[in-house]
Amino acid sequence: MPAPRPTALERQYARLGVLLIAPTVLVFCAVIVYPLVSAIYLSLFQIFTPTLQGSWVGLDNYRALLARGEFWTSLQNNLIWTVGTLTLQILFGVAMALVLHQNLWFRSLARSLILFPYFVSTVVAVLVWKWVFNDLYGILNHFMLTLGIIDWPIDYLGTMPNAMISIILVGAWKYFPFVVIAVLARLQTIPEALYEAARIDGAGPVARFFDITLPQLREVLVVIILLRAIWDFKEFDLIYLMTGGGPVIATQTLPLLVYKEAFAVNQMGMASAYAVVMMAIMLAFMIVYIRRTRERG
């Protein structure tokens, strides 16, 4: 049987739906589709940033990119930064969520204060931590010298591996409250009857954590890890303000390399090629995340 023709009211609702969704589609195209297509297009040219004039080079930018040691060093730094800070975020976040889930008299205040690092401005946080890590007048060196732990001030941000360890610690401190919020929300939905049954069976705190709590947190932890991996992989401002990618390029990640190529070397075409490669790597994380969320649904 042929499909029934839409009525005048249905056609009117269809037009109204198109009008309502049109602004969202336009904004989506303006802020996502257009920059994405432009980056891919520019990556095929050798372009001088101030004038945006250049010549077609095809895939030469990608060939040069893969042959440059700076790219592989930045990618390695990116992975070290992402894995390091993500691991500490998960460990600190889960531990703090477990503490705040207990019936403590200062629990409400602690839950409010724990969000402070996540909501404070990155610029303010970096200024405070750079003062803490300063090798001449930093409070950390002063404290360690006073206690006799060290005999000479340590250069935390100017030497390796101190610089990488420092930015990983600051990144973990800045973003672990996100893990606390998500894990704490999941902890509050775990039935207390499961823990009561485990206590009756003689399970201790460690056994209850690995047999009940951790399996219950597995799904939310997978989503947290995927989201934080995506966000940490593209982190720019914290690393740029802390070390600027130094010493030399020892803490330079791919976002910093894109910025350097575009605005320091003035090679917008090569910067676009780096951005496209970085986008392809992040796309892999996004695919995994989308699949996981669909499975949960």
Foldseek 3Di string as FASTA:
>chain_A
DDDDDDDPVVVVVVVVVCVVCVVVVVVCCVPPVVVLVVLVVLLQWFAQQVVRDTGGNGCVLVVVLVVDPLNVLQAVLLVCLLVLLLVLLQVVQLVVLVVLLDPDPCSVVVLVVLCVLQPDDLLVLLVLLCQCQPQPRHPVQVVCVVVVVDDGGDNQCADPPSNSVSLSVSSNSNPSSVSNVQLNVQVVPFDVVLVVVCVVVPDDPVRCCVVPVCVSCVLVVVLVSLVSSLVSSLDDDNSCSNHVCDPVNNNNHLNSVLVCVCPVVSGNNSSSVSVVVSVVVNVVSVVVNVVSVVVVD
